[in-house]
């Protein structure tokens, strides 16, 4: 993590989550605050990806905007879209045929 200004955050959590955090502290050999910060960063990164994929799937954002939301490169988002089998290009067969015809016409000129 880069040199960030750290702000205090108080939150009540279920006992089961506290046990999970304790396991992480023991496994990673870090203090509790570091473990919680790491988990928050990971959770937020995953949340951003899911929101970006949902918006892309719904056709509410462009591919480039989805990459920006997810804080991924276009190539990283392309890999994620492929892994998740997200359909984001919505062409009718007629639109595809028109695109092919126009591309063929332009190419023959």
N, C-alpha and C. Protein backbone atom coordinates (compact mmCIF):
# COMPACT_ATOMS: atom_id res chain seq x y z
N UNK A 1 0.85 -1.17 0.00
CA UNK A 1 0.00 0.00 0.00
C UNK A 1 0.90 1.24 0.00
N UNK A 2 0.53 2.23 -0.78
CA UNK A 2 1.32 3.46 -0.83
C UNK A 2 1.08 4.29 0.42
N UNK A 3 1.81 5.38 0.55
CA UNK A 3 1.69 6.24 1.73
C UNK A 3 0.35 6.97 1.69
N UNK A 4 -0.61 6.43 2.36
CA UNK A 4 -1.94 7.01 2.42
C UNK A 4 -2.18 7.59 3.79
N UNK A 5 -3.08 8.55 3.85
CA UNK A 5 -3.52 9.05 5.14
C UNK A 5 -4.54 8.06 5.67
N UNK A 6 -4.27 7.49 6.81
CA UNK A 6 -5.16 6.49 7.38
C UNK A 6 -6.17 7.16 8.29
N UNK A 7 -7.44 6.83 8.10
CA UNK A 7 -8.53 7.36 8.90
C UNK A 7 -9.08 6.25 9.79
N UNK A 8 -9.44 6.57 11.00
CA UNK A 8 -10.02 5.54 11.87
C UNK A 8 -11.42 5.15 11.40
N UNK A 9 -11.76 3.89 11.62
CA UNK A 9 -13.08 3.39 11.25
C UNK A 9 -13.53 2.41 12.33
N UNK A 10 -14.63 2.72 12.95
CA UNK A 10 -15.18 1.82 13.98
C UNK A 10 -16.39 1.12 13.37
N UNK A 11 -16.41 -0.19 13.53
CA UNK A 11 -17.51 -0.96 12.97
C UNK A 11 -17.77 -2.18 13.86
N UNK A 12 -19.02 -2.50 14.00
CA UNK A 12 -19.39 -3.70 14.76
C UNK A 12 -19.50 -4.86 13.78
N UNK A 13 -18.89 -5.98 14.16
CA UNK A 13 -18.91 -7.15 13.29
C UNK A 13 -19.39 -8.36 14.06
N UNK A 14 -19.95 -9.33 13.35
CA UNK A 14 -20.36 -10.57 14.02
C UNK A 14 -19.13 -11.32 14.56
N UNK A 15 -19.35 -12.08 15.60
CA UNK A 15 -18.27 -12.82 16.24
C UNK A 15 -17.58 -13.75 15.25
N UNK A 16 -18.33 -14.35 14.34
CA UNK A 16 -17.75 -15.27 13.36
C UNK A 16 -16.73 -14.56 12.46
N UNK A 17 -17.03 -13.33 12.07
CA UNK A 17 -16.09 -12.57 11.24
C UNK A 17 -14.85 -12.22 12.05
N UNK A 18 -15.04 -11.91 13.32
CA UNK A 18 -13.89 -11.62 14.18
C UNK A 18 -12.97 -12.84 14.26
N UNK A 19 -13.55 -14.02 14.33
CA UNK A 19 -12.74 -15.25 14.37
C UNK A 19 -11.97 -15.41 13.05
N UNK A 20 -12.63 -15.11 11.95
CA UNK A 20 -11.97 -15.18 10.64
C UNK A 20 -10.78 -14.22 10.58
N UNK A 21 -10.99 -13.02 11.07
CA UNK A 21 -9.91 -12.02 11.08
C UNK A 21 -8.76 -12.51 11.95
N UNK A 22 -9.07 -13.09 13.09
CA UNK A 22 -8.03 -13.62 13.98
C UNK A 22 -7.22 -14.71 13.28
N UNK A 23 -7.90 -15.57 12.51
CA UNK A 23 -7.20 -16.62 11.76
C UNK A 23 -6.24 -16.00 10.75
N UNK A 24 -6.68 -14.95 10.10
CA UNK A 24 -5.83 -14.27 9.11
C UNK A 24 -4.63 -13.63 9.80
N UNK A 25 -4.87 -12.99 10.95
CA UNK A 25 -3.78 -12.37 11.71
C UNK A 25 -2.73 -13.42 12.06
N UNK A 26 -3.17 -14.57 12.52
CA UNK A 26 -2.24 -15.64 12.90
C UNK A 26 -1.50 -16.17 11.68
N UNK A 27 -2.21 -16.38 10.60
CA UNK A 27 -1.61 -16.96 9.39
C UNK A 27 -0.63 -16.00 8.73
N UNK A 28 -1.02 -14.74 8.60
CA UNK A 28 -0.19 -13.76 7.89
C UNK A 28 0.85 -13.10 8.80
N UNK A 29 0.72 -13.29 10.10
CA UNK A 29 1.64 -12.68 11.07
C UNK A 29 1.64 -11.15 10.95
N UNK A 30 0.43 -10.59 10.92
CA UNK A 30 0.27 -9.13 10.86
C UNK A 30 -0.66 -8.71 12.00
N UNK A 31 -0.69 -7.41 12.25
CA UNK A 31 -1.60 -6.93 13.29
C UNK A 31 -3.03 -6.90 12.72
N UNK A 32 -3.98 -6.79 13.62
CA UNK A 32 -5.40 -6.84 13.25
C UNK A 32 -5.77 -5.72 12.28
N UNK A 33 -5.26 -4.51 12.52
CA UNK A 33 -5.60 -3.38 11.65
C UNK A 33 -5.11 -3.63 10.23
N UNK A 34 -3.91 -4.17 10.09
CA UNK A 34 -3.37 -4.46 8.76
C UNK A 34 -4.21 -5.52 8.06
N UNK A 35 -4.60 -6.54 8.81
CA UNK A 35 -5.43 -7.61 8.23
C UNK A 35 -6.77 -7.05 7.75
N UNK A 36 -7.40 -6.22 8.56
CA UNK A 36 -8.70 -5.66 8.19
C UNK A 36 -8.56 -4.73 6.98
N UNK A 37 -7.51 -3.90 6.96
CA UNK A 37 -7.27 -3.02 5.80
C UNK A 37 -7.10 -3.84 4.52
N UNK A 38 -6.32 -4.91 4.61
CA UNK A 38 -6.09 -5.76 3.44
C UNK A 38 -7.39 -6.39 2.96
N UNK A 39 -8.18 -6.88 3.90
CA UNK A 39 -9.47 -7.47 3.53
C UNK A 39 -10.41 -6.44 2.91
N UNK A 40 -10.42 -5.23 3.44
CA UNK A 40 -11.25 -4.18 2.86
C UNK A 40 -10.81 -3.85 1.44
N UNK A 41 -9.51 -3.72 1.24
CA UNK A 41 -8.99 -3.42 -0.10
C UNK A 41 -9.38 -4.52 -1.09
N UNK A 42 -9.24 -5.77 -0.65
CA UNK A 42 -9.59 -6.89 -1.53
C UNK A 42 -11.09 -6.89 -1.82
N UNK A 43 -11.88 -6.65 -0.79
CA UNK A 43 -13.33 -6.63 -0.96
C UNK A 43 -13.80 -5.51 -1.88
N UNK A 44 -13.21 -4.33 -1.72
CA UNK A 44 -13.59 -3.19 -2.56
C UNK A 44 -13.18 -3.45 -4.00
N UNK A 45 -11.99 -4.02 -4.21
CA UNK A 45 -11.54 -4.33 -5.57
C UNK A 45 -12.49 -5.31 -6.23
N UNK A 46 -12.91 -6.32 -5.49
CA UNK A 46 -13.85 -7.31 -6.03
C UNK A 46 -15.21 -6.68 -6.29
N UNK A 47 -15.66 -5.82 -5.39
CA UNK A 47 -16.93 -5.12 -5.55
C UNK A 47 -16.92 -4.28 -6.82
N UNK A 48 -15.82 -3.55 -7.05
CA UNK A 48 -15.70 -2.71 -8.25
C UNK A 48 -15.80 -3.55 -9.52
N UNK A 49 -15.17 -4.71 -9.52
CA UNK A 49 -15.23 -5.61 -10.68
C UNK A 49 -16.66 -6.08 -10.92
N UNK A 50 -17.34 -6.48 -9.85
CA UNK A 50 -18.70 -6.99 -10.01
C UNK A 50 -19.66 -5.89 -10.49
N UNK A 51 -19.52 -4.69 -9.96
CA UNK A 51 -20.36 -3.57 -10.41
C UNK A 51 -20.10 -3.29 -11.89
N UNK A 52 -18.83 -3.26 -12.27
CA UNK A 52 -18.47 -2.99 -13.67
C UNK A 52 -19.05 -4.06 -14.59
N UNK A 53 -18.95 -5.32 -14.20
CA UNK A 53 -19.49 -6.41 -15.01
C UNK A 53 -21.01 -6.33 -15.10
N UNK A 54 -21.66 -6.03 -13.98
CA UNK A 54 -23.12 -5.89 -14.00
C UNK A 54 -23.57 -4.78 -14.93
N UNK A 55 -22.91 -3.63 -14.84
CA UNK A 55 -23.27 -2.49 -15.69
C UNK A 55 -22.99 -2.80 -17.16
N UNK A 56 -21.90 -3.48 -17.43
CA UNK A 56 -21.56 -3.86 -18.80
C UNK A 56 -22.60 -4.84 -19.34
N UNK A 57 -22.94 -5.84 -18.54
CA UNK A 57 -23.93 -6.85 -18.93
C UNK A 57 -25.27 -6.20 -19.26
N UNK A 58 -25.64 -5.18 -18.49
CA UNK A 58 -26.92 -4.49 -18.69
C UNK A 58 -26.87 -3.47 -19.82
N UNK A 59 -25.68 -3.27 -20.38
CA UNK A 59 -25.54 -2.31 -21.46
C UNK A 59 -25.57 -0.86 -21.00
N UNK A 60 -25.31 -0.63 -19.72
CA UNK A 60 -25.37 0.73 -19.16
C UNK A 60 -24.06 1.49 -19.26
N UNK A 61 -22.96 0.78 -19.54
CA UNK A 61 -21.66 1.43 -19.69
C UNK A 61 -20.93 0.82 -20.88
N UNK A 62 -19.98 1.58 -21.40
CA UNK A 62 -19.12 1.06 -22.45
C UNK A 62 -18.08 0.14 -21.84
N UNK A 63 -17.39 -0.58 -22.71
CA UNK A 63 -16.33 -1.47 -22.25
C UNK A 63 -15.24 -0.67 -21.55
N UNK A 64 -14.88 0.47 -22.14
CA UNK A 64 -13.83 1.32 -21.55
C UNK A 64 -14.26 1.86 -20.19
N UNK A 65 -15.53 2.26 -20.06
CA UNK A 65 -16.03 2.77 -18.78
C UNK A 65 -16.04 1.66 -17.73
N UNK A 66 -16.41 0.46 -18.14
CA UNK A 66 -16.40 -0.68 -17.21
C UNK A 66 -14.98 -0.95 -16.70
N UNK A 67 -14.01 -0.85 -17.60
CA UNK A 67 -12.61 -1.04 -17.18
C UNK A 67 -12.20 0.03 -16.18
N UNK A 68 -12.64 1.25 -16.43
CA UNK A 68 -12.33 2.36 -15.52
C UNK A 68 -12.96 2.12 -14.14
N UNK A 69 -14.21 1.71 -14.12
CA UNK A 69 -14.91 1.45 -12.86
C UNK A 69 -14.19 0.34 -12.09
N UNK A 70 -13.80 -0.70 -12.80
CA UNK A 70 -13.15 -1.85 -12.17
C UNK A 70 -11.69 -1.57 -11.83
N UNK A 71 -11.17 -0.44 -12.32
CA UNK A 71 -9.75 -0.10 -12.15
C UNK A 71 -8.86 -1.18 -12.73
N UNK A 72 -9.24 -1.61 -13.96
CA UNK A 72 -8.49 -2.61 -14.69
C UNK A 72 -8.10 -2.05 -16.05
N UNK A 73 -7.07 -2.62 -16.65
CA UNK A 73 -6.76 -2.27 -18.03
C UNK A 73 -7.83 -2.90 -18.92
N UNK A 74 -7.89 -2.46 -20.16
CA UNK A 74 -8.85 -3.05 -21.10
C UNK A 74 -8.59 -4.54 -21.27
N UNK A 75 -7.31 -4.92 -21.31
CA UNK A 75 -6.97 -6.33 -21.47
C UNK A 75 -7.36 -7.15 -20.25
N UNK A 76 -7.15 -6.59 -19.06
CA UNK A 76 -7.54 -7.30 -17.84
C UNK A 76 -9.05 -7.48 -17.79
N UNK A 77 -9.79 -6.44 -18.20
CA UNK A 77 -11.25 -6.55 -18.21
C UNK A 77 -11.68 -7.58 -19.26
N UNK A 78 -11.03 -7.58 -20.41
CA UNK A 78 -11.36 -8.56 -21.45
C UNK A 78 -11.19 -9.98 -20.92
N UNK A 79 -10.11 -10.22 -20.18
CA UNK A 79 -9.90 -11.55 -19.58
C UNK A 79 -11.00 -11.88 -18.57
N UNK A 80 -11.38 -10.90 -17.75
CA UNK A 80 -12.42 -11.11 -16.75
C UNK A 80 -13.77 -11.38 -17.42
N UNK A 81 -14.09 -10.62 -18.45
CA UNK A 81 -15.34 -10.81 -19.19
C UNK A 81 -15.38 -12.21 -19.78
N UNK A 82 -14.26 -12.64 -20.33
CA UNK A 82 -14.18 -13.99 -20.91
C UNK A 82 -14.36 -15.05 -19.83
N UNK A 83 -13.66 -14.89 -18.69
CA UNK A 83 -13.77 -15.86 -17.59
C UNK A 83 -15.21 -15.97 -17.08
N UNK A 84 -15.86 -14.82 -16.97
CA UNK A 84 -17.23 -14.77 -16.42
C UNK A 84 -18.29 -15.06 -17.48
N UNK A 85 -17.85 -15.21 -18.74
CA UNK A 85 -18.75 -15.46 -19.87
C UNK A 85 -19.85 -14.40 -19.95
N UNK A 86 -19.42 -13.15 -19.89
CA UNK A 86 -20.34 -12.01 -19.95
C UNK A 86 -20.61 -11.66 -21.40
N UNK A 87 -21.87 -11.60 -21.78
CA UNK A 87 -22.24 -11.12 -23.12
C UNK A 87 -22.45 -9.63 -23.02
N UNK A 88 -21.66 -8.89 -23.76
CA UNK A 88 -21.79 -7.43 -23.68
C UNK A 88 -21.97 -6.79 -25.04
N UNK A 89 -21.73 -7.55 -26.11
CA UNK A 89 -21.97 -7.03 -27.45
C UNK A 89 -23.34 -7.52 -27.87
N UNK A 90 -24.21 -6.58 -28.19
CA UNK A 90 -25.58 -6.94 -28.54
C UNK A 90 -25.91 -6.47 -29.95
N UNK A 91 -25.61 -7.32 -30.90
CA UNK A 91 -25.96 -7.04 -32.29
C UNK A 91 -27.03 -8.03 -32.71
N UNK A 92 -27.99 -7.56 -33.47
CA UNK A 92 -28.95 -8.47 -34.07
C UNK A 92 -28.28 -9.08 -35.30
N UNK A 93 -28.79 -10.19 -35.79
CA UNK A 93 -28.20 -10.78 -37.00
C UNK A 93 -28.20 -9.78 -38.18
N UNK A 94 -29.23 -8.95 -38.24
CA UNK A 94 -29.31 -7.96 -39.32
C UNK A 94 -28.19 -6.92 -39.19
N UNK A 95 -27.93 -6.50 -37.95
CA UNK A 95 -26.86 -5.52 -37.72
C UNK A 95 -25.49 -6.11 -38.06
N UNK A 96 -25.30 -7.37 -37.73
CA UNK A 96 -24.04 -8.03 -38.06
C UNK A 96 -23.87 -8.11 -39.57
N UNK A 97 -24.93 -8.51 -40.25
CA UNK A 97 -24.89 -8.60 -41.72
C UNK A 97 -24.58 -7.24 -42.33
N UNK A 98 -25.19 -6.19 -41.81
CA UNK A 98 -24.95 -4.84 -42.32
C UNK A 98 -23.49 -4.44 -42.11
N UNK A 99 -22.96 -4.72 -40.91
CA UNK A 99 -21.56 -4.40 -40.61
C UNK A 99 -20.61 -5.14 -41.57
N UNK A 100 -20.89 -6.40 -41.82
CA UNK A 100 -20.04 -7.20 -42.71
C UNK A 100 -20.10 -6.64 -44.13
N UNK A 101 -21.31 -6.32 -44.58
CA UNK A 101 -21.49 -5.76 -45.92
C UNK A 101 -20.75 -4.44 -46.06
N UNK A 102 -20.91 -3.56 -45.08
CA UNK A 102 -20.23 -2.26 -45.12
C UNK A 102 -18.71 -2.42 -45.07
N UNK A 103 -18.23 -3.35 -44.25
CA UNK A 103 -16.79 -3.56 -44.15
C UNK A 103 -16.25 -4.13 -45.47
N UNK A 104 -16.99 -5.05 -46.09
CA UNK A 104 -16.57 -5.63 -47.36
C UNK A 104 -16.56 -4.59 -48.47
N UNK A 105 -17.56 -3.73 -48.49
CA UNK A 105 -17.64 -2.66 -49.48
C UNK A 105 -16.49 -1.68 -49.32
N UNK A 106 -16.20 -1.29 -48.10
CA UNK A 106 -15.12 -0.37 -47.83
C UNK A 106 -13.77 -0.99 -48.19
N UNK A 107 -13.61 -2.28 -47.95
CA UNK A 107 -12.37 -2.97 -48.23
C UNK A 107 -12.10 -3.09 -49.73
N UNK A 108 -13.16 -3.24 -50.54
CA UNK A 108 -13.00 -3.41 -51.98
C UNK A 108 -12.75 -2.11 -52.71
N UNK A 109 -12.88 -0.98 -52.03
CA UNK A 109 -12.65 0.34 -52.67
C UNK A 109 -11.21 0.69 -52.73
